[in-house]
Amino acid sequence: MISTSSLRPGNVFEDGGSKYLVLKFSHMKKGRGQAVNRVKVRDLETGSITEKTYSNEQSVSEADVEKRSAQFLYSDDKS
């Protein structure tokens, strides 16, 4: 399990059965209220971008992903 306060851009985590890539992270504290972590994420399955809010005590599970470098090759057939 990963604490939501330790998430950083580039991290991948799993929440609610979906895997997310962290794009932006910000820590916010409101007066006497509890601090929250706002995370802008991309769903790795659908590609949609959303913003999620977590409290400092919350944890998310690590996603089991493998990063590989790849090269996209194609030919442009102009006649």
Protein backbone atom coordinates (compact mmCIF):
# COMPACT_ATOMS: atom_id res chain seq x y z
CA MET A 1 0.00 0.00 0.00
CA ILE A 2 1.15 3.52 -0.83
CA SER A 3 0.24 6.55 1.26
CA THR A 4 -1.52 9.15 -0.89
CA SER A 5 0.80 11.83 0.50
CA SER A 6 3.76 10.07 -1.14
CA LEU A 7 2.28 10.03 -4.67
CA ARG A 8 4.30 11.95 -7.25
CA PRO A 9 3.99 12.53 -11.01
CA GLY A 10 4.93 9.36 -12.88
CA ASN A 11 3.71 6.99 -10.14
CA VAL A 12 1.16 4.32 -11.08
CA PHE A 13 -1.42 3.14 -8.54
CA GLU A 14 -4.63 1.13 -8.42
CA ASP A 15 -7.88 2.44 -6.96
CA GLY A 16 -11.34 0.94 -7.39
CA GLY A 17 -10.14 -1.70 -9.85
CA SER A 18 -8.60 0.82 -12.27
CA LYS A 19 -4.95 1.70 -12.78
CA TYR A 20 -3.99 5.38 -12.80
CA LEU A 21 -0.89 7.35 -13.81
CA VAL A 22 -0.23 10.45 -11.68
CA LEU A 23 0.08 13.59 -13.82
CA LYS A 24 -0.02 16.29 -11.13
CA PHE A 25 0.02 16.25 -7.32
CA SER A 26 -0.82 19.00 -4.85
CA HIS A 27 -1.13 19.05 -1.06
CA MET A 28 -3.77 21.43 0.33
CA LYS A 29 -4.46 22.46 3.93
CA LYS A 30 -7.59 24.46 4.69
CA GLY A 31 -7.46 26.46 7.93
CA ARG A 32 -8.45 24.21 10.80
CA GLY A 33 -9.63 21.51 8.44
CA GLN A 34 -7.88 18.33 7.54
CA ALA A 35 -5.23 18.40 4.81
CA VAL A 36 -6.11 16.78 1.50
CA ASN A 37 -4.13 15.58 -1.48
CA ARG A 38 -5.43 16.45 -4.94
CA VAL A 39 -4.15 14.23 -7.71
CA LYS A 40 -4.69 14.69 -11.44
CA VAL A 41 -4.60 11.20 -12.98
CA ARG A 42 -4.93 9.40 -16.31
CA ASP A 43 -6.82 6.11 -16.40
CA LEU A 44 -4.47 3.68 -18.16
CA GLU A 45 -7.33 1.60 -19.61
CA THR A 46 -9.55 4.35 -21.04
CA GLY A 47 -7.09 7.26 -21.32
CA SER A 48 -9.48 9.66 -19.57
CA ILE A 49 -8.04 12.33 -17.27
CA THR A 50 -9.73 13.04 -13.92
CA GLU A 51 -8.93 14.73 -10.63
CA LYS A 52 -9.16 12.72 -7.41
CA THR A 53 -9.06 13.95 -3.81
CA TYR A 54 -7.71 11.87 -0.92
CA SER A 55 -7.18 12.58 2.78
CA ASN A 56 -3.67 12.20 4.23
CA GLU A 57 -4.59 8.99 6.06
CA GLN A 58 -5.82 7.19 2.93
CA SER A 59 -3.71 4.63 1.10
CA VAL A 60 -3.90 3.18 -2.39
CA SER A 61 -2.47 -0.08 -3.68
CA GLU A 62 0.54 -0.28 -5.95
CA ALA A 63 -0.27 -1.21 -9.54
CA ASP A 64 1.61 -4.08 -11.11
CA VAL A 65 2.83 -2.52 -14.36
CA GLU A 66 5.84 -3.07 -16.55
CA LYS A 67 7.38 -0.12 -18.40
CA ARG A 68 9.05 -0.78 -21.73
CA SER A 69 10.49 1.46 -24.38
CA ALA A 70 9.00 0.98 -27.83
CA GLN A 71 9.39 2.39 -31.29
CA PHE A 72 6.45 2.88 -33.65
CA LEU A 73 7.39 2.14 -37.26
CA TYR A 74 5.18 2.73 -40.29
CA SER A 75 5.49 3.57 -43.94
CA ASP A 76 3.77 6.54 -45.50
CA ASP A 77 2.51 5.24 -48.85
CA LYS A 78 2.16 8.31 -51.05
CA SER A 79 1.51 7.72 -54.74
